[in-house]
Amino acid sequence: AEILGIGKWELIELYDSLGFPYLNQTPE
């Protein structure tokens, strides 16, 4: 995020909108 000049949570939300979740664990 720092490299991109945005906030960490903004980047996490961007990745999430692109289909890359922050948490990638299964419910199990």
mmCIF file of all heavy atoms, coordinates in Angstrom:
data_MODEL
# 
_entry.id   MODEL 
# 
loop_
_atom_site.group_PDB 
_atom_site.id 
_atom_site.type_symbol 
_atom_site.label_atom_id 
_atom_site.label_alt_id 
_atom_site.label_comp_id 
_atom_site.label_asym_id 
_atom_site.label_entity_id 
_atom_site.label_seq_id 
_atom_site.pdbx_PDB_ins_code 
_atom_site.Cartn_x 
_atom_site.Cartn_y 
_atom_site.Cartn_z 
_atom_site.occupancy 
_atom_site.B_iso_or_equiv 
_atom_site.pdbx_formal_charge 
_atom_site.auth_seq_id 
_atom_site.auth_comp_id 
_atom_site.auth_asym_id 
_atom_site.auth_atom_id 
_atom_site.pdbx_PDB_model_num 
ATOM 1   N N   . ALA A 1 1  ? 0.830   -1.203  0.000  1.00 0.00 ? 1  ALA A N   1 
ATOM 2   C CA  . ALA A 1 1  ? 0.000   0.000   0.000  1.00 0.00 ? 1  ALA A CA  1 
ATOM 3   C C   . ALA A 1 1  ? 0.865   1.255   0.000  1.00 0.00 ? 1  ALA A C   1 
ATOM 4   O O   . ALA A 1 1  ? 0.566   2.224   -0.703 1.00 0.00 ? 1  ALA A O   1 
ATOM 5   C CB  . ALA A 1 1  ? -0.935  -0.015  1.218  1.00 0.00 ? 1  ALA A CB  1 
ATOM 6   N N   . GLU A 1 2  ? 1.915   1.217   0.780  1.00 0.00 ? 2  GLU A N   1 
ATOM 7   C CA  . GLU A 1 2  ? 2.842   2.353   0.835  1.00 0.00 ? 2  GLU A CA  1 
ATOM 8   C C   . GLU A 1 2  ? 3.451   2.616   -0.546 1.00 0.00 ? 2  GLU A C   1 
ATOM 9   O O   . GLU A 1 2  ? 3.536   3.766   -0.992 1.00 0.00 ? 2  GLU A O   1 
ATOM 10  C CB  . GLU A 1 2  ? 3.943   2.049   1.856  1.00 0.00 ? 2  GLU A CB  1 
ATOM 11  C CG  . GLU A 1 2  ? 4.880   3.179   2.130  1.00 0.00 ? 2  GLU A CG  1 
ATOM 12  C CD  . GLU A 1 2  ? 5.910   2.769   3.179  1.00 0.00 ? 2  GLU A CD  1 
ATOM 13  O OE1 . GLU A 1 2  ? 5.507   2.486   4.326  1.00 0.00 ? 2  GLU A OE1 1 
ATOM 14  O OE2 . GLU A 1 2  ? 7.101   2.728   2.839  1.00 0.00 ? 2  GLU A OE2 1 
ATOM 15  N N   . ILE A 1 3  ? 3.860   1.572   -1.223 1.00 0.00 ? 3  ILE A N   1 
ATOM 16  C CA  . ILE A 1 3  ? 4.425   1.702   -2.571 1.00 0.00 ? 3  ILE A CA  1 
ATOM 17  C C   . ILE A 1 3  ? 3.400   2.327   -3.519 1.00 0.00 ? 3  ILE A C   1 
ATOM 18  O O   . ILE A 1 3  ? 3.742   3.171   -4.350 1.00 0.00 ? 3  ILE A O   1 
ATOM 19  C CB  . ILE A 1 3  ? 4.895   0.327   -3.106 1.00 0.00 ? 3  ILE A CB  1 
ATOM 20  C CG1 . ILE A 1 3  ? 6.110   -0.147  -2.308 1.00 0.00 ? 3  ILE A CG1 1 
ATOM 21  C CG2 . ILE A 1 3  ? 5.208   0.393   -4.594 1.00 0.00 ? 3  ILE A CG2 1 
ATOM 22  C CD1 . ILE A 1 3  ? 6.476   -1.611  -2.538 1.00 0.00 ? 3  ILE A CD1 1 
ATOM 23  N N   . LEU A 1 4  ? 2.137   1.929   -3.356 1.00 0.00 ? 4  LEU A N   1 
ATOM 24  C CA  . LEU A 1 4  ? 1.073   2.432   -4.229 1.00 0.00 ? 4  LEU A CA  1 
ATOM 25  C C   . LEU A 1 4  ? 0.562   3.812   -3.811 1.00 0.00 ? 4  LEU A C   1 
ATOM 26  O O   . LEU A 1 4  ? -0.188  4.439   -4.556 1.00 0.00 ? 4  LEU A O   1 
ATOM 27  C CB  . LEU A 1 4  ? -0.096  1.440   -4.245 1.00 0.00 ? 4  LEU A CB  1 
ATOM 28  C CG  . LEU A 1 4  ? 0.206   0.078   -4.861 1.00 0.00 ? 4  LEU A CG  1 
ATOM 29  C CD1 . LEU A 1 4  ? -0.924  -0.885  -4.587 1.00 0.00 ? 4  LEU A CD1 1 
ATOM 30  C CD2 . LEU A 1 4  ? 0.470   0.215   -6.350 1.00 0.00 ? 4  LEU A CD2 1 
ATOM 31  N N   . GLY A 1 5  ? 0.943   4.252   -2.615 1.00 0.00 ? 5  GLY A N   1 
ATOM 32  C CA  . GLY A 1 5  ? 0.501   5.557   -2.138 1.00 0.00 ? 5  GLY A CA  1 
ATOM 33  C C   . GLY A 1 5  ? -0.930  5.572   -1.635 1.00 0.00 ? 5  GLY A C   1 
ATOM 34  O O   . GLY A 1 5  ? -1.616  6.593   -1.710 1.00 0.00 ? 5  GLY A O   1 
ATOM 35  N N   . ILE A 1 6  ? -1.384  4.412   -1.119 1.00 0.00 ? 6  ILE A N   1 
ATOM 36  C CA  . ILE A 1 6  ? -2.736  4.319   -0.556 1.00 0.00 ? 6  ILE A CA  1 
ATOM 37  C C   . ILE A 1 6  ? -2.645  3.687   0.830  1.00 0.00 ? 6  ILE A C   1 
ATOM 38  O O   . ILE A 1 6  ? -1.580  3.216   1.246  1.00 0.00 ? 6  ILE A O   1 
ATOM 39  C CB  . ILE A 1 6  ? -3.679  3.493   -1.460 1.00 0.00 ? 6  ILE A CB  1 
ATOM 40  C CG1 . ILE A 1 6  ? -3.173  2.053   -1.639 1.00 0.00 ? 6  ILE A CG1 1 
ATOM 41  C CG2 . ILE A 1 6  ? -3.859  4.174   -2.808 1.00 0.00 ? 6  ILE A CG2 1 
ATOM 42  C CD1 . ILE A 1 6  ? -4.114  1.151   -2.428 1.00 0.00 ? 6  ILE A CD1 1 
ATOM 43  N N   . GLY A 1 7  ? -3.761  3.659   1.534  1.00 0.00 ? 7  GLY A N   1 
ATOM 44  C CA  . GLY A 1 7  ? -3.809  3.033   2.848  1.00 0.00 ? 7  GLY A CA  1 
ATOM 45  C C   . GLY A 1 7  ? -3.903  1.520   2.743  1.00 0.00 ? 7  GLY A C   1 
ATOM 46  O O   . GLY A 1 7  ? -4.371  0.972   1.734  1.00 0.00 ? 7  GLY A O   1 
ATOM 47  N N   . LYS A 1 8  ? -3.456  0.847   3.796  1.00 0.00 ? 8  LYS A N   1 
ATOM 48  C CA  . LYS A 1 8  ? -3.467  -0.617  3.826  1.00 0.00 ? 8  LYS A CA  1 
ATOM 49  C C   . LYS A 1 8  ? -4.880  -1.161  3.600  1.00 0.00 ? 8  LYS A C   1 
ATOM 50  O O   . LYS A 1 8  ? -5.087  -2.070  2.811  1.00 0.00 ? 8  LYS A O   1 
ATOM 51  C CB  . LYS A 1 8  ? -2.912  -1.112  5.157  1.00 0.00 ? 8  LYS A CB  1 
ATOM 52  C CG  . LYS A 1 8  ? -2.975  -2.611  5.343  1.00 0.00 ? 8  LYS A CG  1 
ATOM 53  C CD  . LYS A 1 8  ? -2.455  -3.031  6.694  1.00 0.00 ? 8  LYS A CD  1 
ATOM 54  C CE  . LYS A 1 8  ? -2.647  -4.512  6.917  1.00 0.00 ? 8  LYS A CE  1 
ATOM 55  N NZ  . LYS A 1 8  ? -2.173  -4.924  8.248  1.00 0.00 ? 8  LYS A NZ  1 
ATOM 56  N N   . TRP A 1 9  ? -5.874  -0.611  4.311  1.00 0.00 ? 9  TRP A N   1 
ATOM 57  C CA  . TRP A 1 9  ? -7.232  -1.130  4.191  1.00 0.00 ? 9  TRP A CA  1 
ATOM 58  C C   . TRP A 1 9  ? -7.824  -0.839  2.824  1.00 0.00 ? 9  TRP A C   1 
ATOM 59  O O   . TRP A 1 9  ? -8.622  -1.616  2.308  1.00 0.00 ? 9  TRP A O   1 
ATOM 60  C CB  . TRP A 1 9  ? -8.117  -0.611  5.326  1.00 0.00 ? 9  TRP A CB  1 
ATOM 61  C CG  . TRP A 1 9  ? -7.678  -1.226  6.611  1.00 0.00 ? 9  TRP A CG  1 
ATOM 62  C CD1 . TRP A 1 9  ? -7.054  -0.604  7.641  1.00 0.00 ? 9  TRP A CD1 1 
ATOM 63  C CD2 . TRP A 1 9  ? -7.768  -2.609  6.977  1.00 0.00 ? 9  TRP A CD2 1 
ATOM 64  N NE1 . TRP A 1 9  ? -6.748  -1.514  8.632  1.00 0.00 ? 9  TRP A NE1 1 
ATOM 65  C CE2 . TRP A 1 9  ? -7.176  -2.749  8.252  1.00 0.00 ? 9  TRP A CE2 1 
ATOM 66  C CE3 . TRP A 1 9  ? -8.277  -3.739  6.359  1.00 0.00 ? 9  TRP A CE3 1 
ATOM 67  C CZ2 . TRP A 1 9  ? -7.096  -3.971  8.907  1.00 0.00 ? 9  TRP A CZ2 1 
ATOM 68  C CZ3 . TRP A 1 9  ? -8.194  -4.950  7.022  1.00 0.00 ? 9  TRP A CZ3 1 
ATOM 69  C CH2 . TRP A 1 9  ? -7.611  -5.052  8.274  1.00 0.00 ? 9  TRP A CH2 1 
ATOM 70  N N   . GLU A 1 10 ? -7.406  0.258   2.210  1.00 0.00 ? 10 GLU A N   1 
ATOM 71  C CA  . GLU A 1 10 ? -7.850  0.541   0.839  1.00 0.00 ? 10 GLU A CA  1 
ATOM 72  C C   . GLU A 1 10 ? -7.324  -0.534  -0.116 1.00 0.00 ? 10 GLU A C   1 
ATOM 73  O O   . GLU A 1 10 ? -8.041  -1.014  -1.002 1.00 0.00 ? 10 GLU A O   1 
ATOM 74  C CB  . GLU A 1 10 ? -7.370  1.926   0.411  1.00 0.00 ? 10 GLU A CB  1 
ATOM 75  C CG  . GLU A 1 10 ? -7.903  2.387   -0.919 1.00 0.00 ? 10 GLU A CG  1 
ATOM 76  C CD  . GLU A 1 10 ? -7.452  3.792   -1.293 1.00 0.00 ? 10 GLU A CD  1 
ATOM 77  O OE1 . GLU A 1 10 ? -6.875  4.507   -0.439 1.00 0.00 ? 10 GLU A OE1 1 
ATOM 78  O OE2 . GLU A 1 10 ? -7.672  4.163   -2.458 1.00 0.00 ? 10 GLU A OE2 1 
ATOM 79  N N   . LEU A 1 11 ? -6.070  -0.936  0.082  1.00 0.00 ? 11 LEU A N   1 
ATOM 80  C CA  . LEU A 1 11 ? -5.489  -1.991  -0.744 1.00 0.00 ? 11 LEU A CA  1 
ATOM 81  C C   . LEU A 1 11 ? -6.188  -3.323  -0.492 1.00 0.00 ? 11 LEU A C   1 
ATOM 82  O O   . LEU A 1 11 ? -6.501  -4.062  -1.432 1.00 0.00 ? 11 LEU A O   1 
ATOM 83  C CB  . LEU A 1 11 ? -3.987  -2.128  -0.483 1.00 0.00 ? 11 LEU A CB  1 
ATOM 84  C CG  . LEU A 1 11 ? -3.292  -3.237  -1.265 1.00 0.00 ? 11 LEU A CG  1 
ATOM 85  C CD1 . LEU A 1 11 ? -3.368  -2.970  -2.768 1.00 0.00 ? 11 LEU A CD1 1 
ATOM 86  C CD2 . LEU A 1 11 ? -1.856  -3.387  -0.813 1.00 0.00 ? 11 LEU A CD2 1 
ATOM 87  N N   . ILE A 1 12 ? -6.443  -3.636  0.758  1.00 0.00 ? 12 ILE A N   1 
ATOM 88  C CA  . ILE A 1 12 ? -7.138  -4.884  1.092  1.00 0.00 ? 12 ILE A CA  1 
ATOM 89  C C   . ILE A 1 12 ? -8.512  -4.908  0.434  1.00 0.00 ? 12 ILE A C   1 
ATOM 90  O O   . ILE A 1 12 ? -8.925  -5.929  -0.127 1.00 0.00 ? 12 ILE A O   1 
ATOM 91  C CB  . ILE A 1 12 ? -7.225  -5.059  2.622  1.00 0.00 ? 12 ILE A CB  1 
ATOM 92  C CG1 . ILE A 1 12 ? -5.824  -5.353  3.178  1.00 0.00 ? 12 ILE A CG1 1 
ATOM 93  C CG2 . ILE A 1 12 ? -8.223  -6.147  3.001  1.00 0.00 ? 12 ILE A CG2 1 
ATOM 94  C CD1 . ILE A 1 12 ? -5.724  -5.291  4.688  1.00 0.00 ? 12 ILE A CD1 1 
ATOM 95  N N   . GLU A 1 13 ? -9.223  -3.785  0.479  1.00 0.00 ? 13 GLU A N   1 
ATOM 96  C CA  . GLU A 1 13 ? -10.534 -3.708  -0.164 1.00 0.00 ? 13 GLU A CA  1 
ATOM 97  C C   . GLU A 1 13 ? -10.414 -3.840  -1.686 1.00 0.00 ? 13 GLU A C   1 
ATOM 98  O O   . GLU A 1 13 ? -11.245 -4.470  -2.331 1.00 0.00 ? 13 GLU A O   1 
ATOM 99  C CB  . GLU A 1 13 ? -11.234 -2.409  0.210  1.00 0.00 ? 13 GLU A CB  1 
ATOM 100 C CG  . GLU A 1 13 ? -11.697 -2.379  1.645  1.00 0.00 ? 13 GLU A CG  1 
ATOM 101 C CD  . GLU A 1 13 ? -12.270 -1.038  2.071  1.00 0.00 ? 13 GLU A CD  1 
ATOM 102 O OE1 . GLU A 1 13 ? -12.257 -0.080  1.262  1.00 0.00 ? 13 GLU A OE1 1 
ATOM 103 O OE2 . GLU A 1 13 ? -12.739 -0.949  3.213  1.00 0.00 ? 13 GLU A OE2 1 
ATOM 104 N N   . LEU A 1 14 ? -9.374  -3.254  -2.265 1.00 0.00 ? 14 LEU A N   1 
ATOM 105 C CA  . LEU A 1 14 ? -9.143  -3.368  -3.700 1.00 0.00 ? 14 LEU A CA  1 
ATOM 106 C C   . LEU A 1 14 ? -8.908  -4.826  -4.081 1.00 0.00 ? 14 LEU A C   1 
ATOM 107 O O   . LEU A 1 14 ? -9.535  -5.344  -5.015 1.00 0.00 ? 14 LEU A O   1 
ATOM 108 C CB  . LEU A 1 14 ? -7.958  -2.509  -4.133 1.00 0.00 ? 14 LEU A CB  1 
ATOM 109 C CG  . LEU A 1 14 ? -7.517  -2.649  -5.596 1.00 0.00 ? 14 LEU A CG  1 
ATOM 110 C CD1 . LEU A 1 14 ? -8.626  -2.204  -6.542 1.00 0.00 ? 14 LEU A CD1 1 
ATOM 111 C CD2 . LEU A 1 14 ? -6.256  -1.850  -5.836 1.00 0.00 ? 14 LEU A CD2 1 
ATOM 112 N N   . TYR A 1 15 ? -8.021  -5.497  -3.359 1.00 0.00 ? 15 TYR A N   1 
ATOM 113 C CA  . TYR A 1 15 ? -7.768  -6.912  -3.643 1.00 0.00 ? 15 TYR A CA  1 
ATOM 114 C C   . TYR A 1 15 ? -9.042  -7.732  -3.471 1.00 0.00 ? 15 TYR A C   1 
ATOM 115 O O   . TYR A 1 15 ? -9.324  -8.624  -4.261 1.00 0.00 ? 15 TYR A O   1 
ATOM 116 C CB  . TYR A 1 15 ? -6.659  -7.467  -2.754 1.00 0.00 ? 15 TYR A CB  1 
ATOM 117 C CG  . TYR A 1 15 ? -5.263  -7.072  -3.182 1.00 0.00 ? 15 TYR A CG  1 
ATOM 118 C CD1 . TYR A 1 15 ? -4.262  -6.891  -2.234 1.00 0.00 ? 15 TYR A CD1 1 
ATOM 119 C CD2 . TYR A 1 15 ? -4.914  -6.901  -4.514 1.00 0.00 ? 15 TYR A CD2 1 
ATOM 120 C CE1 . TYR A 1 15 ? -2.969  -6.546  -2.610 1.00 0.00 ? 15 TYR A CE1 1 
ATOM 121 C CE2 . TYR A 1 15 ? -3.633  -6.557  -4.896 1.00 0.00 ? 15 TYR A CE2 1 
ATOM 122 C CZ  . TYR A 1 15 ? -2.657  -6.378  -3.940 1.00 0.00 ? 15 TYR A CZ  1 
ATOM 123 O OH  . TYR A 1 15 ? -1.389  -6.039  -4.320 1.00 0.00 ? 15 TYR A OH  1 
ATOM 124 N N   . ASP A 1 16 ? -9.818  -7.434  -2.442 1.00 0.00 ? 16 ASP A N   1 
ATOM 125 C CA  . ASP A 1 16 ? -11.062 -8.159  -2.211 1.00 0.00 ? 16 ASP A CA  1 
ATOM 126 C C   . ASP A 1 16 ? -12.018 -7.971  -3.384 1.00 0.00 ? 16 ASP A C   1 
ATOM 127 O O   . ASP A 1 16 ? -12.640 -8.928  -3.844 1.00 0.00 ? 16 ASP A O   1 
ATOM 128 C CB  . ASP A 1 16 ? -11.709 -7.697  -0.909 1.00 0.00 ? 16 ASP A CB  1 
ATOM 129 C CG  . ASP A 1 16 ? -12.919 -8.528  -0.547 1.00 0.00 ? 16 ASP A CG  1 
ATOM 130 O OD1 . ASP A 1 16 ? -12.786 -9.766  -0.434 1.00 0.00 ? 16 ASP A OD1 1 
ATOM 131 O OD2 . ASP A 1 16 ? -14.009 -7.940  -0.372 1.00 0.00 ? 16 ASP A OD2 1 
ATOM 132 N N   . SER A 1 17 ? -12.118 -6.746  -3.895 1.00 0.00 ? 17 SER A N   1 
ATOM 133 C CA  . SER A 1 17 ? -13.009 -6.489  -5.035 1.00 0.00 ? 17 SER A CA  1 
ATOM 134 C C   . SER A 1 17 ? -12.542 -7.209  -6.293 1.00 0.00 ? 17 SER A C   1 
ATOM 135 O O   . SER A 1 17 ? -13.337 -7.469  -7.195 1.00 0.00 ? 17 SER A O   1 
ATOM 136 C CB  . SER A 1 17 ? -13.122 -4.988  -5.300 1.00 0.00 ? 17 SER A CB  1 
ATOM 137 O OG  . SER A 1 17 ? -11.931 -4.470  -5.881 1.00 0.00 ? 17 SER A OG  1 
ATOM 138 N N   . LEU A 1 18 ? -11.252 -7.545  -6.340 1.00 0.00 ? 18 LEU A N   1 
ATOM 139 C CA  . LEU A 1 18 ? -10.700 -8.272  -7.482 1.00 0.00 ? 18 LEU A CA  1 
ATOM 140 C C   . LEU A 1 18 ? -10.719 -9.786  -7.267 1.00 0.00 ? 18 LEU A C   1 
ATOM 141 O O   . LEU A 1 18 ? -10.235 -10.549 -8.100 1.00 0.00 ? 18 LEU A O   1 
ATOM 142 C CB  . LEU A 1 18 ? -9.262  -7.811  -7.750 1.00 0.00 ? 18 LEU A CB  1 
ATOM 143 C CG  . LEU A 1 18 ? -9.116  -6.349  -8.180 1.00 0.00 ? 18 LEU A CG  1 
ATOM 144 C CD1 . LEU A 1 18 ? -7.645  -5.937  -8.186 1.00 0.00 ? 18 LEU A CD1 1 
ATOM 145 C CD2 . LEU A 1 18 ? -9.755  -6.114  -9.532 1.00 0.00 ? 18 LEU A CD2 1 
ATOM 146 N N   . GLY A 1 19 ? -11.252 -10.212 -6.127 1.00 0.00 ? 19 GLY A N   1 
ATOM 147 C CA  . GLY A 1 19 ? -11.379 -11.640 -5.853 1.00 0.00 ? 19 GLY A CA  1 
ATOM 148 C C   . GLY A 1 19 ? -10.236 -12.251 -5.067 1.00 0.00 ? 19 GLY A C   1 
ATOM 149 O O   . GLY A 1 19 ? -10.088 -13.470 -5.040 1.00 0.00 ? 19 GLY A O   1 
ATOM 150 N N   . PHE A 1 20 ? -9.428  -11.411 -4.427 1.00 0.00 ? 20 PHE A N   1 
ATOM 151 C CA  . PHE A 1 20 ? -8.313  -11.901 -3.612 1.00 0.00 ? 20 PHE A CA  1 
ATOM 152 C C   . PHE A 1 20 ? -8.571  -11.530 -2.154 1.00 0.00 ? 20 PHE A C   1 
ATOM 153 O O   . PHE A 1 20 ? -8.201  -10.442 -1.711 1.00 0.00 ? 20 PHE A O   1 
ATOM 154 C CB  . PHE A 1 20 ? -6.983  -11.293 -4.078 1.00 0.00 ? 20 PHE A CB  1 
ATOM 155 C CG  . PHE A 1 20 ? -6.662  -11.578 -5.513 1.00 0.00 ? 20 PHE A CG  1 
ATOM 156 C CD1 . PHE A 1 20 ? -6.816  -10.606 -6.476 1.00 0.00 ? 20 PHE A CD1 1 
ATOM 157 C CD2 . PHE A 1 20 ? -6.215  -12.828 -5.897 1.00 0.00 ? 20 PHE A CD2 1 
ATOM 158 C CE1 . PHE A 1 20 ? -6.527  -10.861 -7.805 1.00 0.00 ? 20 PHE A CE1 1 
ATOM 159 C CE2 . PHE A 1 20 ? -5.919  -13.102 -7.227 1.00 0.00 ? 20 PHE A CE2 1 
ATOM 160 C CZ  . PHE A 1 20 ? -6.081  -12.111 -8.186 1.00 0.00 ? 20 PHE A CZ  1 
ATOM 161 N N   . PRO A 1 21 ? -9.205  -12.410 -1.389 1.00 0.00 ? 21 PRO A N   1 
ATOM 162 C CA  . PRO A 1 21 ? -9.561  -12.072 -0.009 1.00 0.00 ? 21 PRO A CA  1 
ATOM 163 C C   . PRO A 1 21 ? -8.333  -11.929 0.890  1.00 0.00 ? 21 PRO A C   1 
ATOM 164 O O   . PRO A 1 21 ? -7.300  -12.553 0.670  1.00 0.00 ? 21 PRO A O   1 
ATOM 165 C CB  . PRO A 1 21 ? -10.434 -13.236 0.434  1.00 0.00 ? 21 PRO A CB  1 
ATOM 166 C CG  . PRO A 1 21 ? -9.980  -14.380 -0.414 1.00 0.00 ? 21 PRO A CG  1 
ATOM 167 C CD  . PRO A 1 21 ? -9.568  -13.772 -1.732 1.00 0.00 ? 21 PRO A CD  1 
ATOM 168 N N   . TYR A 1 22 ? -8.473  -11.076 1.896  1.00 0.00 ? 22 TYR A N   1 
ATOM 169 C CA  . TYR A 1 22 ? -7.406  -10.862 2.869  1.00 0.00 ? 22 TYR A CA  1 
ATOM 170 C C   . TYR A 1 22 ? -7.194  -12.127 3.691  1.00 0.00 ? 22 TYR A C   1 
ATOM 171 O O   . TYR A 1 22 ? -6.074  -12.550 3.921  1.00 0.00 ? 22 TYR A O   1 
ATOM 172 C CB  . TYR A 1 22 ? -7.765  -9.672  3.762  1.00 0.00 ? 22 TYR A CB  1 
ATOM 173 C CG  . TYR A 1 22 ? -6.711  -9.303  4.768  1.00 0.00 ? 22 TYR A CG  1 
ATOM 174 C CD1 . TYR A 1 22 ? -5.479  -8.804  4.357  1.00 0.00 ? 22 TYR A CD1 1 
ATOM 175 C CD2 . TYR A 1 22 ? -6.947  -9.413  6.130  1.00 0.00 ? 22 TYR A CD2 1 
ATOM 176 C CE1 . TYR A 1 22 ? -4.508  -8.438  5.272  1.00 0.00 ? 22 TYR A CE1 1 
ATOM 177 C CE2 . TYR A 1 22 ? -5.988  -9.043  7.048  1.00 0.00 ? 22 TYR A CE2 1 
ATOM 178 C CZ  . TYR A 1 22 ? -4.772  -8.556  6.621  1.00 0.00 ? 22 TYR A CZ  1 
ATOM 179 O OH  . TYR A 1 22 ? -3.814  -8.201  7.540  1.00 0.00 ? 22 TYR A OH  1 
ATOM 180 N N   . LEU A 1 23 ? -8.282  -12.696 4.167  1.00 0.00 ? 23 LEU A N   1 
ATOM 181 C CA  . LEU A 1 23 ? -8.223  -13.967 4.891  1.00 0.00 ? 23 LEU A CA  1 
ATOM 182 C C   . LEU A 1 23 ? -8.509  -15.076 3.904  1.00 0.00 ? 23 LEU A C   1 
ATOM 183 O O   . LEU A 1 23 ? -9.554  -15.093 3.262  1.00 0.00 ? 23 LEU A O   1 
ATOM 184 C CB  . LEU A 1 23 ? -9.256  -14.007 6.017  1.00 0.00 ? 23 LEU A CB  1 
ATOM 185 C CG  . LEU A 1 23 ? -9.060  -12.982 7.131  1.00 0.00 ? 23 LEU A CG  1 
ATOM 186 C CD1 . LEU A 1 23 ? -10.210 -13.063 8.122  1.00 0.00 ? 23 LEU A CD1 1 
ATOM 187 C CD2 . LEU A 1 23 ? -7.740  -13.208 7.835  1.00 0.00 ? 23 LEU A CD2 1 
ATOM 188 N N   . ASN A 1 24 ? -7.590  -15.987 3.767  1.00 0.00 ? 24 ASN A N   1 
ATOM 189 C CA  . ASN A 1 24 ? -7.787  -17.041 2.782  1.00 0.00 ? 24 ASN A CA  1 
ATOM 190 C C   . ASN A 1 24 ? -7.934  -18.415 3.412  1.00 0.00 ? 24 ASN A C   1 
ATOM 191 O O   . ASN A 1 24 ? -7.640  -19.415 2.801  1.00 0.00 ? 24 ASN A O   1 
ATOM 192 C CB  . ASN A 1 24 ? -6.662  -17.041 1.746  1.00 0.00 ? 24 ASN A CB  1 
ATOM 193 C CG  . ASN A 1 24 ? -5.296  -17.213 2.370  1.00 0.00 ? 24 ASN A CG  1 
ATOM 194 O OD1 . ASN A 1 24 ? -5.177  -17.371 3.568  1.00 0.00 ? 24 ASN A OD1 1 
ATOM 195 N ND2 . ASN A 1 24 ? -4.268  -17.165 1.561  1.00 0.00 ? 24 ASN A ND2 1 
ATOM 196 N N   . GLN A 1 25 ? -8.408  -18.427 4.657  1.00 0.00 ? 25 GLN A N   1 
ATOM 197 C CA  . GLN A 1 25 ? -8.634  -19.705 5.310  1.00 0.00 ? 25 GLN A CA  1 
ATOM 198 C C   . GLN A 1 25 ? -10.045 -20.193 5.016  1.00 0.00 ? 25 GLN A C   1 
ATOM 199 O O   . GLN A 1 25 ? -10.970 -19.404 4.851  1.00 0.00 ? 25 GLN A O   1 
ATOM 200 C CB  . GLN A 1 25 ? -8.479  -19.557 6.828  1.00 0.00 ? 25 GLN A CB  1 
ATOM 201 C CG  . GLN A 1 25 ? -7.065  -19.301 7.268  1.00 0.00 ? 25 GLN A CG  1 
ATOM 202 C CD  . GLN A 1 25 ? -6.975  -19.156 8.764  1.00 0.00 ? 25 GLN A CD  1 
ATOM 203 O OE1 . GLN A 1 25 ? -7.677  -18.350 9.348  1.00 0.00 ? 25 GLN A OE1 1 
ATOM 204 N NE2 . GLN A 1 25 ? -6.118  -19.939 9.378  1.00 0.00 ? 25 GLN A NE2 1 
ATOM 205 N N   . THR A 1 26 ? -10.186 -21.492 4.992  1.00 0.00 ? 26 THR A N   1 
ATOM 206 C CA  . THR A 1 26 ? -11.512 -22.074 4.812  1.00 0.00 ? 26 THR A CA  1 
ATOM 207 C C   . THR A 1 26 ? -12.247 -21.991 6.153  1.00 0.00 ? 26 THR A C   1 
ATOM 208 O O   . THR A 1 26 ? -11.623 -21.861 7.215  1.00 0.00 ? 26 THR A O   1 
ATOM 209 C CB  . THR A 1 26 ? -11.415 -23.547 4.386  1.00 0.00 ? 26 THR A CB  1 
ATOM 210 O OG1 . THR A 1 26 ? -10.839 -24.300 5.462  1.00 0.00 ? 26 THR A OG1 1 
ATOM 211 C CG2 . THR A 1 26 ? -10.611 -23.711 3.112  1.00 0.00 ? 26 THR A CG2 1 
ATOM 212 N N   . PRO A 1 27 ? -13.563 -22.089 6.123  1.00 0.00 ? 27 PRO A N   1 
ATOM 213 C CA  . PRO A 1 27 ? -14.314 -22.104 7.386  1.00 0.00 ? 27 PRO A CA  1 
ATOM 214 C C   . PRO A 1 27 ? -13.861 -23.232 8.312  1.00 0.00 ? 27 PRO A C   1 
ATOM 215 O O   . PRO A 1 27 ? -13.817 -23.069 9.533  1.00 0.00 ? 27 PRO A O   1 
ATOM 216 C CB  . PRO A 1 27 ? -15.763 -22.294 6.934  1.00 0.00 ? 27 PRO A CB  1 
ATOM 217 C CG  . PRO A 1 27 ? -15.806 -21.709 5.571  1.00 0.00 ? 27 PRO A CG  1 
ATOM 218 C CD  . PRO A 1 27 ? -14.453 -22.027 4.975  1.00 0.00 ? 27 PRO A CD  1 
ATOM 219 N N   . GLU A 1 28 ? -13.489 -24.374 7.733  1.00 0.00 ? 28 GLU A N   1 
ATOM 220 C CA  . GLU A 1 28 ? -13.026 -25.497 8.540  1.00 0.00 ? 28 GLU A CA  1 
ATOM 221 C C   . GLU A 1 28 ? -11.717 -25.163 9.254  1.00 0.00 ? 28 GLU A C   1 
ATOM 222 O O   . GLU A 1 28 ? -11.520 -25.508 10.415 1.00 0.00 ? 28 GLU A O   1 
ATOM 223 C CB  . GLU A 1 28 ? -12.848 -26.745 7.672  1.00 0.00 ? 28 GLU A CB  1 
ATOM 224 C CG  . GLU A 1 28 ? -14.131 -27.316 7.123  1.00 0.00 ? 28 GLU A CG  1 
ATOM 225 C CD  . GLU A 1 28 ? -14.654 -26.568 5.890  1.00 0.00 ? 28 GLU A CD  1 
ATOM 226 O OE1 . GLU A 1 28 ? -13.873 -25.865 5.220  1.00 0.00 ? 28 GLU A OE1 1 
ATOM 227 O OE2 . GLU A 1 28 ? -15.863 -26.684 5.618  1.00 0.00 ? 28 GLU A OE2 1 
# 
